Amino acid sequence: MNVMFLQAAQPQGGGGGMMLIMMVAIFAIMWLFMIRPQQQRQKKIRQFQNALEAGAKVVIGGGIYGTVKRVDQVKNAVEVEIARGVVITVDKGNVYADVTQQDPAKKD
């Protein structure tokens, strides 16, 4: 009688293929809903940073709002006026679009 119980308790083979399919499915779902949208947002930010010109309303990485006064392509820097007569120089990578200036009807 003990022999019958031991034989019934042995695991069944062939479950490795199903596990592989589940892992691929989980990665595909993560890529579709998390990684791909983030890459698209980063691409839009880079396009905005490369198209910066004087007069654009921006937000600096620290949350400071201002207006672009000058863009230095050689140094990859931007001069931003944050208050009347107060101009700071920041790296172009820390400049983002001012969401308050965007059209609320254009929702992505």
PDB file of N, CA and C in Angstrom:
ATOM      1  N   MET A   1       0.809  -1.192   0.000  1.00  0.00           N
ATOM      2  CA  MET A   1       0.000   0.000   0.000  1.00  0.00           C
ATOM      3  C   MET A   1       0.858   1.264   0.000  1.00  0.00           C
ATOM      4  N   ASN A   2       1.999   1.260   0.695  1.00  0.00           N
ATOM      5  CA  ASN A   2       2.885   2.410   0.730  1.00  0.00           C
ATOM      6  C   ASN A   2       3.451   2.731  -0.640  1.00  0.00           C
ATOM      7  N   VAL A   3       3.672   1.755  -1.439  1.00  0.00           N
ATOM      8  CA  VAL A   3       4.237   1.942  -2.771  1.00  0.00           C
ATOM      9  C   VAL A   3       3.284   2.752  -3.637  1.00  0.00           C
ATOM     10  N   MET A   4       2.020   2.523  -3.518  1.00  0.00           N
ATOM     11  CA  MET A   4       1.032   3.228  -4.318  1.00  0.00           C
ATOM     12  C   MET A   4       0.992   4.707  -3.957  1.00  0.00           C
ATOM     13  N   PHE A   5       1.130   5.046  -2.698  1.00  0.00           N
ATOM     14  CA  PHE A   5       1.124   6.444  -2.281  1.00  0.00           C
ATOM     15  C   PHE A   5       2.359   7.175  -2.777  1.00  0.00           C
ATOM     16  N   LEU A   6       3.511   6.528  -2.745  1.00  0.00           N
ATOM     17  CA  LEU A   6       4.734   7.156  -3.208  1.00  0.00           C
ATOM     18  C   LEU A   6       4.702   7.408  -4.711  1.00  0.00           C
ATOM     19  N   GLN A   7       4.150   6.504  -5.439  1.00  0.00           N
ATOM     20  CA  GLN A   7       4.061   6.699  -6.877  1.00  0.00           C
ATOM     21  C   GLN A   7       3.088   7.817  -7.218  1.00  0.00           C
ATOM     22  N   ALA A   8       2.041   7.971  -6.496  1.00  0.00           N
ATOM     23  CA  ALA A   8       1.058   9.023  -6.751  1.00  0.00           C
ATOM     24  C   ALA A   8       1.598  10.394  -6.357  1.00  0.00           C
ATOM     25  N   ALA A   9       2.552  10.469  -5.440  1.00  0.00           N
ATOM     26  CA  ALA A   9       3.065  11.746  -4.963  1.00  0.00           C
ATOM     27  C   ALA A   9       4.148  12.321  -5.859  1.00  0.00           C
ATOM     28  N   GLN A  10       4.638  11.565  -6.828  1.00  0.00           N
ATOM     29  CA  GLN A  10       5.693  12.059  -7.696  1.00  0.00           C
ATOM     30  C   GLN A  10       5.144  13.158  -8.603  1.00  0.00           C
ATOM     31  N   PRO A  11       5.930  14.235  -8.817  1.00  0.00           N
ATOM     32  CA  PRO A  11       5.443  15.340  -9.660  1.00  0.00           C
ATOM     33  C   PRO A  11       5.373  14.932 -11.127  1.00  0.00           C
ATOM     34  N   GLN A  12       4.440  15.504 -11.816  1.00  0.00           N
ATOM     35  CA  GLN A  12       4.253  15.241 -13.238  1.00  0.00           C
ATOM     36  C   GLN A  12       5.247  16.073 -14.044  1.00  0.00           C
ATOM     37  N   GLY A  13       5.792  15.569 -15.118  1.00  0.00           N
ATOM     38  CA  GLY A  13       6.725  16.284 -15.973  1.00  0.00           C
ATOM     39  C   GLY A  13       5.984  17.125 -17.004  1.00  0.00           C
ATOM     40  N   GLY A  14       6.706  18.037 -17.694  1.00  0.00           N
ATOM     41  CA  GLY A  14       6.101  18.818 -18.768  1.00  0.00           C
ATOM     42  C   GLY A  14       5.581  20.174 -18.338  1.00  0.00           C
ATOM     43  N   GLY A  15       5.777  20.599 -17.112  1.00  0.00           N
ATOM     44  CA  GLY A  15       5.291  21.902 -16.655  1.00  0.00           C
ATOM     45  C   GLY A  15       6.249  23.038 -16.977  1.00  0.00           C
ATOM     46  N   GLY A  16       7.454  22.726 -17.452  1.00  0.00           N
ATOM     47  CA  GLY A  16       8.447  23.763 -17.743  1.00  0.00           C
ATOM     48  C   GLY A  16       8.059  24.648 -18.911  1.00  0.00           C
ATOM     49  N   GLY A  17       7.406  24.096 -19.905  1.00  0.00           N
ATOM     50  CA  GLY A  17       6.973  24.876 -21.065  1.00  0.00           C
ATOM     51  C   GLY A  17       5.924  25.906 -20.690  1.00  0.00           C
ATOM     52  N   MET A  18       5.009  25.512 -19.825  1.00  0.00           N
ATOM     53  CA  MET A  18       3.963  26.431 -19.385  1.00  0.00           C
ATOM     54  C   MET A  18       4.558  27.577 -18.570  1.00  0.00           C
ATOM     55  N   MET A  19       5.555  27.268 -17.749  1.00  0.00           N
ATOM     56  CA  MET A  19       6.219  28.293 -16.943  1.00  0.00           C
ATOM     57  C   MET A  19       6.932  29.300 -17.841  1.00  0.00           C
ATOM     58  N   LEU A  20       7.566  28.820 -18.913  1.00  0.00           N
ATOM     59  CA  LEU A  20       8.251  29.695 -19.858  1.00  0.00           C
ATOM     60  C   LEU A  20       7.258  30.618 -20.562  1.00  0.00           C
ATOM     61  N   ILE A  21       6.134  30.081 -20.961  1.00  0.00           N
ATOM     62  CA  ILE A  21       5.096  30.886 -21.620  1.00  0.00           C
ATOM     63  C   ILE A  21       4.583  31.972 -20.670  1.00  0.00           C
ATOM     64  N   MET A  22       4.377  31.633 -19.416  1.00  0.00           N
ATOM     65  CA  MET A  22       3.897  32.623 -18.432  1.00  0.00           C
ATOM     66  C   MET A  22       4.930  33.736 -18.223  1.00  0.00           C
ATOM     67  N   MET A  23       6.208  33.379 -18.150  1.00  0.00           N
ATOM     68  CA  MET A  23       7.257  34.380 -17.961  1.00  0.00           C
ATOM     69  C   MET A  23       7.314  35.336 -19.153  1.00  0.00           C
ATOM     70  N   VAL A  24       7.208  34.803 -20.362  1.00  0.00           N
ATOM     71  CA  VAL A  24       7.214  35.636 -21.564  1.00  0.00           C
ATOM     72  C   VAL A  24       5.988  36.545 -21.575  1.00  0.00           C
ATOM     73  N   ALA A  25       4.841  36.018 -21.196  1.00  0.00           N
ATOM     74  CA  ALA A  25       3.611  36.810 -21.157  1.00  0.00           C
ATOM     75  C   ALA A  25       3.718  37.941 -20.137  1.00  0.00           C
ATOM     76  N   ILE A  26       4.280  37.677 -18.977  1.00  0.00           N
ATOM     77  CA  ILE A  26       4.437  38.714 -17.951  1.00  0.00           C
ATOM     78  C   ILE A  26       5.371  39.803 -18.443  1.00  0.00           C
ATOM     79  N   PHE A  27       6.493  39.425 -19.067  1.00  0.00           N
ATOM     80  CA  PHE A  27       7.420  40.423 -19.601  1.00  0.00           C
ATOM     81  C   PHE A  27       6.742  41.259 -20.680  1.00  0.00           C
ATOM     82  N   ALA A  28       5.962  40.632 -21.564  1.00  0.00           N
ATOM     83  CA  ALA A  28       5.285  41.359 -22.638  1.00  0.00           C
ATOM     84  C   ALA A  28       4.286  42.364 -22.072  1.00  0.00           C
ATOM     85  N   ILE A  29       3.558  41.977 -21.045  1.00  0.00           N
ATOM     86  CA  ILE A  29       2.589  42.876 -20.428  1.00  0.00           C
ATOM     87  C   ILE A  29       3.308  44.044 -19.755  1.00  0.00           C
ATOM     88  N   MET A  30       4.401  43.768 -19.048  1.00  0.00           N
ATOM     89  CA  MET A  30       5.171  44.845 -18.410  1.00  0.00           C
ATOM     90  C   MET A  30       5.709  45.807 -19.462  1.00  0.00           C
ATOM     91  N   TRP A  31       6.214  45.286 -20.569  1.00  0.00           N
ATOM     92  CA  TRP A  31       6.759  46.142 -21.612  1.00  0.00           C
ATOM     93  C   TRP A  31       5.661  47.014 -22.204  1.00  0.00           C
ATOM     94  N   LEU A  32       4.484  46.433 -22.451  1.00  0.00           N
ATOM     95  CA  LEU A  32       3.388  47.176 -23.069  1.00  0.00           C
ATOM     96  C   LEU A  32       2.849  48.284 -22.175  1.00  0.00           C
ATOM     97  N   PHE A  33       2.706  48.009 -20.891  1.00  0.00           N
ATOM     98  CA  PHE A  33       2.036  48.954 -20.005  1.00  0.00           C
ATOM     99  C   PHE A  33       2.975  49.827 -19.177  1.00  0.00           C
ATOM    100  N   MET A  34       4.262  49.488 -19.088  1.00  0.00           N
ATOM    101  CA  MET A  34       5.159  50.270 -18.246  1.00  0.00           C
ATOM    102  C   MET A  34       6.347  50.840 -19.017  1.00  0.00           C
ATOM    103  N   ILE A  35       7.085  50.007 -19.693  1.00  0.00           N
ATOM    104  CA  ILE A  35       8.341  50.438 -20.307  1.00  0.00           C
ATOM    105  C   ILE A  35       8.091  51.280 -21.554  1.00  0.00           C
ATOM    106  N   ARG A  36       7.233  50.825 -22.437  1.00  0.00           N
ATOM    107  CA  ARG A  36       6.990  51.533 -23.697  1.00  0.00           C
ATOM    108  C   ARG A  36       6.419  52.938 -23.481  1.00  0.00           C
ATOM    109  N   PRO A  37       5.401  53.138 -22.646  1.00  0.00           N
ATOM    110  CA  PRO A  37       4.903  54.504 -22.431  1.00  0.00           C
ATOM    111  C   PRO A  37       5.963  55.438 -21.829  1.00  0.00           C
ATOM    112  N   GLN A  38       6.802  54.910 -20.932  1.00  0.00           N
ATOM    113  CA  GLN A  38       7.857  55.741 -20.346  1.00  0.00           C
ATOM    114  C   GLN A  38       8.866  56.157 -21.409  1.00  0.00           C
ATOM    115  N   GLN A  39       9.214  55.259 -22.323  1.00  0.00           N
ATOM    116  CA  GLN A  39      10.132  55.594 -23.405  1.00  0.00           C
ATOM    117  C   GLN A  39       9.537  56.674 -24.307  1.00  0.00           C
ATOM    118  N   GLN A  40       8.246  56.600 -24.560  1.00  0.00           N
ATOM    119  CA  GLN A  40       7.592  57.612 -25.392  1.00  0.00           C
ATOM    120  C   GLN A  40       7.594  58.971 -24.710  1.00  0.00           C
ATOM    121  N   ARG A  41       7.343  59.007 -23.390  1.00  0.00           N
ATOM    122  CA  ARG A  41       7.392  60.275 -22.652  1.00  0.00           C
ATOM    123  C   ARG A  41       8.789  60.870 -22.685  1.00  0.00           C
ATOM    124  N   GLN A  42       9.813  60.038 -22.492  1.00  0.00           N
ATOM    125  CA  GLN A  42      11.191  60.523 -22.534  1.00  0.00           C
ATOM    126  C   GLN A  42      11.541  61.059 -23.919  1.00  0.00           C
ATOM    127  N   LYS A  43      11.039  60.432 -24.958  1.00  0.00           N
ATOM    128  CA  LYS A  43      11.295  60.888 -26.321  1.00  0.00           C
ATOM    129  C   LYS A  43      10.678  62.267 -26.542  1.00  0.00           C
ATOM    130  N   LYS A  44       9.457  62.489 -26.052  1.00  0.00           N
ATOM    131  CA  LYS A  44       8.802  63.796 -26.177  1.00  0.00           C
ATOM    132  C   LYS A  44       9.585  64.870 -25.413  1.00  0.00           C
ATOM    133  N   ILE A  45      10.077  64.536 -24.231  1.00  0.00           N
ATOM    134  CA  ILE A  45      10.842  65.495 -23.437  1.00  0.00           C
ATOM    135  C   ILE A  45      12.129  65.864 -24.169  1.00  0.00           C
ATOM    136  N   ARG A  46      12.837  64.873 -24.721  1.00  0.00           N
ATOM    137  CA  ARG A  46      14.072  65.156 -25.469  1.00  0.00           C
ATOM    138  C   ARG A  46      13.794  66.030 -26.686  1.00  0.00           C
ATOM    139  N   GLN A  47      12.685  65.770 -27.389  1.00  0.00           N
ATOM    140  CA  GLN A  47      12.328  66.595 -28.547  1.00  0.00           C
ATOM    141  C   GLN A  47      12.061  68.029 -28.108  1.00  0.00           C
ATOM    142  N   PHE A  48      11.363  68.213 -26.983  1.00  0.00           N
ATOM    143  CA  PHE A  48      11.095  69.552 -26.467  1.00  0.00           C
ATOM    144  C   PHE A  48      12.395  70.253 -26.105  1.00  0.00           C
ATOM    145  N   GLN A  49      13.303  69.544 -25.427  1.00  0.00           N
ATOM    146  CA  GLN A  49      14.569  70.133 -25.014  1.00  0.00           C
ATOM    147  C   GLN A  49      15.412  70.535 -26.220  1.00  0.00           C
ATOM    148  N   ASN A  50      15.390  69.749 -27.279  1.00  0.00           N
ATOM    149  CA  ASN A  50      16.164  70.080 -28.474  1.00  0.00           C
ATOM    150  C   ASN A  50      15.546  71.232 -29.263  1.00  0.00           C
ATOM    151  N   ALA A  51      14.249  71.472 -29.093  1.00  0.00           N
ATOM    152  CA  ALA A  51      13.558  72.537 -29.822  1.00  0.00           C
ATOM    153  C   ALA A  51      13.393  73.800 -28.979  1.00  0.00           C
ATOM    154  N   LEU A  52      14.060  73.882 -27.845  1.00  0.00           N
ATOM    155  CA  LEU A  52      13.926  75.061 -26.982  1.00  0.00           C
ATOM    156  C   LEU A  52      14.371  76.325 -27.703  1.00  0.00           C
ATOM    157  N   GLU A  53      13.628  77.396 -27.458  1.00  0.00           N
ATOM    158  CA  GLU A  53      14.009  78.695 -28.000  1.00  0.00           C
ATOM    159  C   GLU A  53      13.582  79.773 -27.016  1.00  0.00           C
ATOM    160  N   ALA A  54      14.113  80.954 -27.195  1.00  0.00           N
ATOM    161  CA  ALA A  54      13.841  82.066 -26.283  1.00  0.00           C
ATOM    162  C   ALA A  54      12.339  82.350 -26.223  1.00  0.00           C
ATOM    163  N   GLY A  55      11.864  82.604 -25.012  1.00  0.00           N
ATOM    164  CA  GLY A  55      10.460  82.928 -24.802  1.00  0.00           C
ATOM    165  C   GLY A  55       9.607  81.751 -24.377  1.00  0.00           C
ATOM    166  N   ALA A  56      10.134  80.564 -24.407  1.00  0.00           N
ATOM    167  CA  ALA A  56       9.354  79.380 -24.033  1.00  0.00           C
ATOM    168  C   ALA A  56       9.170  79.334 -22.517  1.00  0.00           C
ATOM    169  N   LYS A  57       7.992  78.984 -22.086  1.00  0.00           N
ATOM    170  CA  LYS A  57       7.702  78.806 -20.663  1.00  0.00           C
ATOM    171  C   LYS A  57       8.130  77.395 -20.279  1.00  0.00           C
ATOM    172  N   VAL A  58       8.924  77.265 -19.227  1.00  0.00           N
ATOM    173  CA  VAL A  58       9.480  75.970 -18.848  1.00  0.00           C
ATOM    174  C   VAL A  58       9.421  75.772 -17.340  1.00  0.00           C
ATOM    175  N   VAL A  59       9.655  74.522 -16.947  1.00  0.00           N
ATOM    176  CA  VAL A  59       9.820  74.152 -15.548  1.00  0.00           C
ATOM    177  C   VAL A  59      11.186  73.498 -15.431  1.00  0.00           C
ATOM    178  N   ILE A  60      11.977  73.968 -14.484  1.00  0.00           N
ATOM    179  CA  ILE A  60      13.291  73.387 -14.252  1.00  0.00           C
ATOM    180  C   ILE A  60      13.110  72.182 -13.343  1.00  0.00           C
ATOM    181  N   GLY A  61      14.021  71.226 -13.410  1.00  0.00           N
ATOM    182  CA  GLY A  61      13.940  69.983 -12.658  1.00  0.00           C
ATOM    183  C   GLY A  61      13.588  70.148 -11.190  1.00  0.00           C
ATOM    184  N   GLY A  62      13.962  71.226 -10.562  1.00  0.00           N
ATOM    185  CA  GLY A  62      13.663  71.446  -9.145  1.00  0.00           C
ATOM    186  C   GLY A  62      12.272  71.990  -8.907  1.00  0.00           C
ATOM    187  N   GLY A  63      11.489  72.191  -9.963  1.00  0.00           N
ATOM    188  CA  GLY A  63      10.126  72.691  -9.817  1.00  0.00           C
ATOM    189  C   GLY A  63      10.027  74.202  -9.957  1.00  0.00           C
ATOM    190  N   ILE A  64      11.054  74.849 -10.459  1.00  0.00           N
ATOM    191  CA  ILE A  64      11.059  76.300 -10.623  1.00  0.00           C
ATOM    192  C   ILE A  64      10.527  76.635 -12.010  1.00  0.00           C
ATOM    193  N   TYR A  65       9.542  77.540 -12.062  1.00  0.00           N
ATOM    194  CA  TYR A  65       8.957  77.970 -13.323  1.00  0.00           C
ATOM    195  C   TYR A  65       9.713  79.186 -13.827  1.00  0.00           C
ATOM    196  N   GLY A  66       9.846  79.288 -15.141  1.00  0.00           N
ATOM    197  CA  GLY A  66      10.543  80.433 -15.705  1.00  0.00           C
ATOM    198  C   GLY A  66      10.347  80.522 -17.202  1.00  0.00           C
ATOM    199  N   THR A  67      11.053  81.501 -17.786  1.00  0.00           N
ATOM    200  CA  THR A  67      11.000  81.756 -19.218  1.00  0.00           C
ATOM    201  C   THR A  67      12.410  81.666 -19.780  1.00  0.00           C
ATOM    202  N   VAL A  68      12.566  80.962 -20.887  1.00  0.00           N
ATOM    203  CA  VAL A  68      13.877  80.808 -21.518  1.00  0.00           C
ATOM    204  C   VAL A  68      14.299  82.152 -22.112  1.00  0.00           C
ATOM    205  N   LYS A  69      15.509  82.598 -21.772  1.00  0.00           N
ATOM    206  CA  LYS A  69      16.057  83.832 -22.325  1.00  0.00           C
ATOM    207  C   LYS A  69      17.054  83.545 -23.442  1.00  0.00           C
ATOM    208  N   ARG A  70      17.865  82.488 -23.266  1.00  0.00           N
ATOM    209  CA  ARG A  70      18.874  82.170 -24.270  1.00  0.00           C
ATOM    210  C   ARG A  70      19.221  80.695 -24.176  1.00  0.00           C
ATOM    211  N   VAL A  71      19.483  80.081 -25.323  1.00  0.00           N
ATOM    212  CA  VAL A  71      19.890  78.681 -25.382  1.00  0.00           C
ATOM    213  C   VAL A  71      21.306  78.626 -25.943  1.00  0.00           C
ATOM    214  N   ASP A  72      22.227  78.015 -25.198  1.00  0.00           N
ATOM    215  CA  ASP A  72      23.614  77.870 -25.627  1.00  0.00           C
ATOM    216  C   ASP A  72      23.818  76.411 -26.071  1.00  0.00           C
ATOM    217  N   GLN A  73      23.831  76.199 -27.392  1.00  0.00           N
ATOM    218  CA  GLN A  73      23.956  74.841 -27.931  1.00  0.00           C
ATOM    219  C   GLN A  73      25.342  74.253 -27.672  1.00  0.00           C
ATOM    220  N   VAL A  74      26.366  75.114 -27.626  1.00  0.00           N
ATOM    221  CA  VAL A  74      27.734  74.630 -27.433  1.00  0.00           C
ATOM    222  C   VAL A  74      27.908  74.049 -26.035  1.00  0.00           C
ATOM    223  N   LYS A  75      27.442  74.776 -25.019  1.00  0.00           N
ATOM    224  CA  LYS A  75      27.570  74.333 -23.625  1.00  0.00           C
ATOM    225  C   LYS A  75      26.411  73.432 -23.199  1.00  0.00           C
ATOM    226  N   ASN A  76      25.402  73.288 -24.076  1.00  0.00           N
ATOM    227  CA  ASN A  76      24.209  72.501 -23.761  1.00  0.00           C
ATOM    228  C   ASN A  76      23.522  73.053 -22.513  1.00  0.00           C
ATOM    229  N   ALA A  77      23.433  74.391 -22.443  1.00  0.00           N
ATOM    230  CA  ALA A  77      22.874  75.078 -21.287  1.00  0.00           C
ATOM    231  C   ALA A  77      21.774  76.033 -21.739  1.00  0.00           C
ATOM    232  N   VAL A  78      20.929  76.394 -20.785  1.00  0.00           N
ATOM    233  CA  VAL A  78      19.815  77.299 -21.048  1.00  0.00           C
ATOM    234  C   VAL A  78      19.812  78.364 -19.957  1.00  0.00           C
ATOM    235  N   GLU A  79      19.639  79.621 -20.365  1.00  0.00           N
ATOM    236  CA  GLU A  79      19.475  80.703 -19.395  1.00  0.00           C
ATOM    237  C   GLU A  79      17.979  80.928 -19.212  1.00  0.00           C
ATOM    238  N   VAL A  80      17.530  80.824 -17.958  1.00  0.00           N
ATOM    239  CA  VAL A  80      16.104  80.919 -17.646  1.00  0.00           C
ATOM    240  C   VAL A  80      15.888  82.070 -16.674  1.00  0.00           C
ATOM    241  N   GLU A  81      14.931  82.932 -16.996  1.00  0.00           N
ATOM    242  CA  GLU A  81      14.563  84.028 -16.095  1.00  0.00           C
ATOM    243  C   GLU A  81      13.460  83.510 -15.173  1.00  0.00           C
ATOM    244  N   ILE A  82      13.767  83.451 -13.871  1.00  0.00           N
ATOM    245  CA  ILE A  82      12.807  82.911 -12.910  1.00  0.00           C
ATOM    246  C   ILE A  82      12.057  84.008 -12.172  1.00  0.00           C
ATOM    247  N   ALA A  83      12.577  85.219 -12.203  1.00  0.00           N
ATOM    248  CA  ALA A  83      11.915  86.397 -11.655  1.00  0.00           C
ATOM    249  C   ALA A  83      12.436  87.590 -12.445  1.00  0.00           C
ATOM    250  N   ARG A  84      11.787  88.723 -12.329  1.00  0.00           N
ATOM    251  CA  ARG A  84      12.212  89.883 -13.090  1.00  0.00           C
ATOM    252  C   ARG A  84      13.658  90.237 -12.743  1.00  0.00           C
ATOM    253  N   GLY A  85      14.533  90.115 -13.738  1.00  0.00           N
ATOM    254  CA  GLY A  85      15.936  90.451 -13.544  1.00  0.00           C
ATOM    255  C   GLY A  85      16.784  89.335 -12.958  1.00  0.00           C
ATOM    256  N   VAL A  86      16.190  88.175 -12.651  1.00  0.00           N
ATOM    257  CA  VAL A  86      16.937  87.048 -12.080  1.00  0.00           C
ATOM    258  C   VAL A  86      17.037  85.957 -13.151  1.00  0.00           C
ATOM    259  N   VAL A  87      18.236  85.784 -13.689  1.00  0.00           N
ATOM    260  CA  VAL A  87      18.465  84.808 -14.743  1.00  0.00           C
ATOM    261  C   VAL A  87      19.455  83.766 -14.235  1.00  0.00           C
ATOM    262  N   ILE A  88      19.087  82.501 -14.375  1.00  0.00           N
ATOM    263  CA  ILE A  88      19.977  81.421 -13.960  1.00  0.00           C
ATOM    264  C   ILE A  88      20.314  80.564 -15.177  1.00  0.00           C
ATOM    265  N   THR A  89      21.450  79.897 -15.112  1.00  0.00           N
ATOM    266  CA  THR A  89      21.878  79.008 -16.187  1.00  0.00           C
ATOM    267  C   THR A  89      21.754  77.577 -15.695  1.00  0.00           C
ATOM    268  N   VAL A  90      21.043  76.765 -16.462  1.00  0.00           N
ATOM    269  CA  VAL A  90      20.845  75.364 -16.094  1.00  0.00           C
ATOM    270  C   VAL A  90      21.173  74.481 -17.291  1.00  0.00           C
ATOM    271  N   ASP A  91      21.456  73.232 -17.013  1.00  0.00           N
ATOM    272  CA  ASP A  91      21.685  72.247 -18.063  1.00  0.00           C
ATOM    273  C   ASP A  91      20.382  72.005 -18.814  1.00  0.00           C
ATOM    274  N   LYS A  92      20.493  71.825 -20.116  1.00  0.00           N
ATOM    275  CA  LYS A  92      19.293  71.630 -20.941  1.00  0.00           C
ATOM    276  C   LYS A  92      18.526  70.384 -20.531  1.00  0.00           C
ATOM    277  N   GLY A  93      19.205  69.384 -19.972  1.00  0.00           N
ATOM    278  CA  GLY A  93      18.548  68.155 -19.558  1.00  0.00           C
ATOM    279  C   GLY A  93      17.626  68.322 -18.361  1.00  0.00           C
ATOM    280  N   ASN A  94      17.725  69.453 -17.659  1.00  0.00           N
ATOM    281  CA  ASN A  94      16.874  69.710 -16.491  1.00  0.00           C
ATOM    282  C   ASN A  94      15.718  70.644 -16.799  1.00  0.00           C
ATOM    283  N   VAL A  95      15.431  70.876 -18.074  1.00  0.00           N
ATOM    284  CA  VAL A  95      14.365  71.783 -18.473  1.00  0.00           C
ATOM    285  C   VAL A  95      13.223  70.962 -19.068  1.00  0.00           C
ATOM    286  N   TYR A  96      12.005  71.206 -18.562  1.00  0.00           N
ATOM    287  CA  TYR A  96      10.819  70.475 -19.012  1.00  0.00           C
ATOM    288  C   TYR A  96       9.751  71.467 -19.441  1.00  0.00           C
ATOM    289  N   ALA A  97       8.779  71.003 -20.196  1.00  0.00           N
ATOM    290  CA  ALA A  97       7.692  71.850 -20.666  1.00  0.00           C
ATOM    291  C   ALA A  97       6.830  72.285 -19.491  1.00  0.00           C
ATOM    292  N   ASP A  98       6.341  73.505 -19.565  1.00  0.00           N
ATOM    293  CA  ASP A  98       5.437  74.038 -18.549  1.00  0.00           C
ATOM    294  C   ASP A  98       4.039  73.513 -18.832  1.00  0.00           C
ATOM    295  N   VAL A  99       3.545  72.632 -17.971  1.00  0.00           N
ATOM    296  CA  VAL A  99       2.247  72.000 -18.214  1.00  0.00           C
ATOM    297  C   VAL A  99       1.097  72.988 -18.101  1.00  0.00           C
ATOM    298  N   THR A 100       1.274  74.098 -17.406  1.00  0.00           N
ATOM    299  CA  THR A 100       0.196  75.078 -17.297  1.00  0.00           C
ATOM    300  C   THR A 100       0.010  75.840 -18.595  1.00  0.00           C
ATOM    301  N   GLN A 101       1.006  75.840 -19.476  1.00  0.00           N
ATOM    302  CA  GLN A 101       0.913  76.547 -20.748  1.00  0.00           C
ATOM    303  C   GLN A 101       0.375  75.659 -21.866  1.00  0.00           C
ATOM    304  N   GLN A 102       0.249  74.359 -21.624  1.00  0.00           N
ATOM    305  CA  GLN A 102      -0.227  73.446 -22.652  1.00  0.00           C
ATOM    306  C   GLN A 102      -1.749  73.510 -22.755  1.00  0.00           C
ATOM    307  N   ASP A 103      -2.258  73.188 -23.924  1.00  0.00           N
ATOM    308  CA  ASP A 103      -3.688  73.213 -24.179  1.00  0.00           C
ATOM    309  C   ASP A 103      -4.374  72.069 -23.420  1.00  0.00           C
ATOM    310  N   PRO A 104      -5.306  72.374 -22.480  1.00  0.00           N
ATOM    311  CA  PRO A 104      -5.951  71.311 -21.732  1.00  0.00           C
ATOM    312  C   PRO A 104      -6.805  70.382 -22.602  1.00  0.00           C
ATOM    313  N   ALA A 105      -7.251  70.844 -23.768  1.00  0.00           N
ATOM    314  CA  ALA A 105      -8.051  70.009 -24.652  1.00  0.00           C
ATOM    315  C   ALA A 105      -7.197  68.956 -25.334  1.00  0.00           C
ATOM    316  N   LYS A 106      -5.885  69.179 -25.424  1.00  0.00           N
ATOM    317  CA  LYS A 106      -4.959  68.217 -26.030  1.00  0.00           C
ATOM    318  C   LYS A 106      -4.441  67.305 -24.952  1.00  0.00           C
ATOM    319  N   LYS A 107      -5.161  66.271 -24.663  1.00  0.00           N
ATOM    320  CA  LYS A 107      -4.764  65.313 -23.620  1.00  0.00           C
ATOM    321  C   LYS A 107      -4.225  64.072 -24.286  1.00  0.00           C
ATOM    322  N   ASP A 108      -2.971  63.658 -23.947  1.00  0.00           N
ATOM    323  CA  ASP A 108      -2.374  62.443 -24.524  1.00  0.00           C
ATOM    324  C   ASP A 108      -2.695  61.245 -23.690  1.00  0.00           C
TER     325      ASP A 108
END
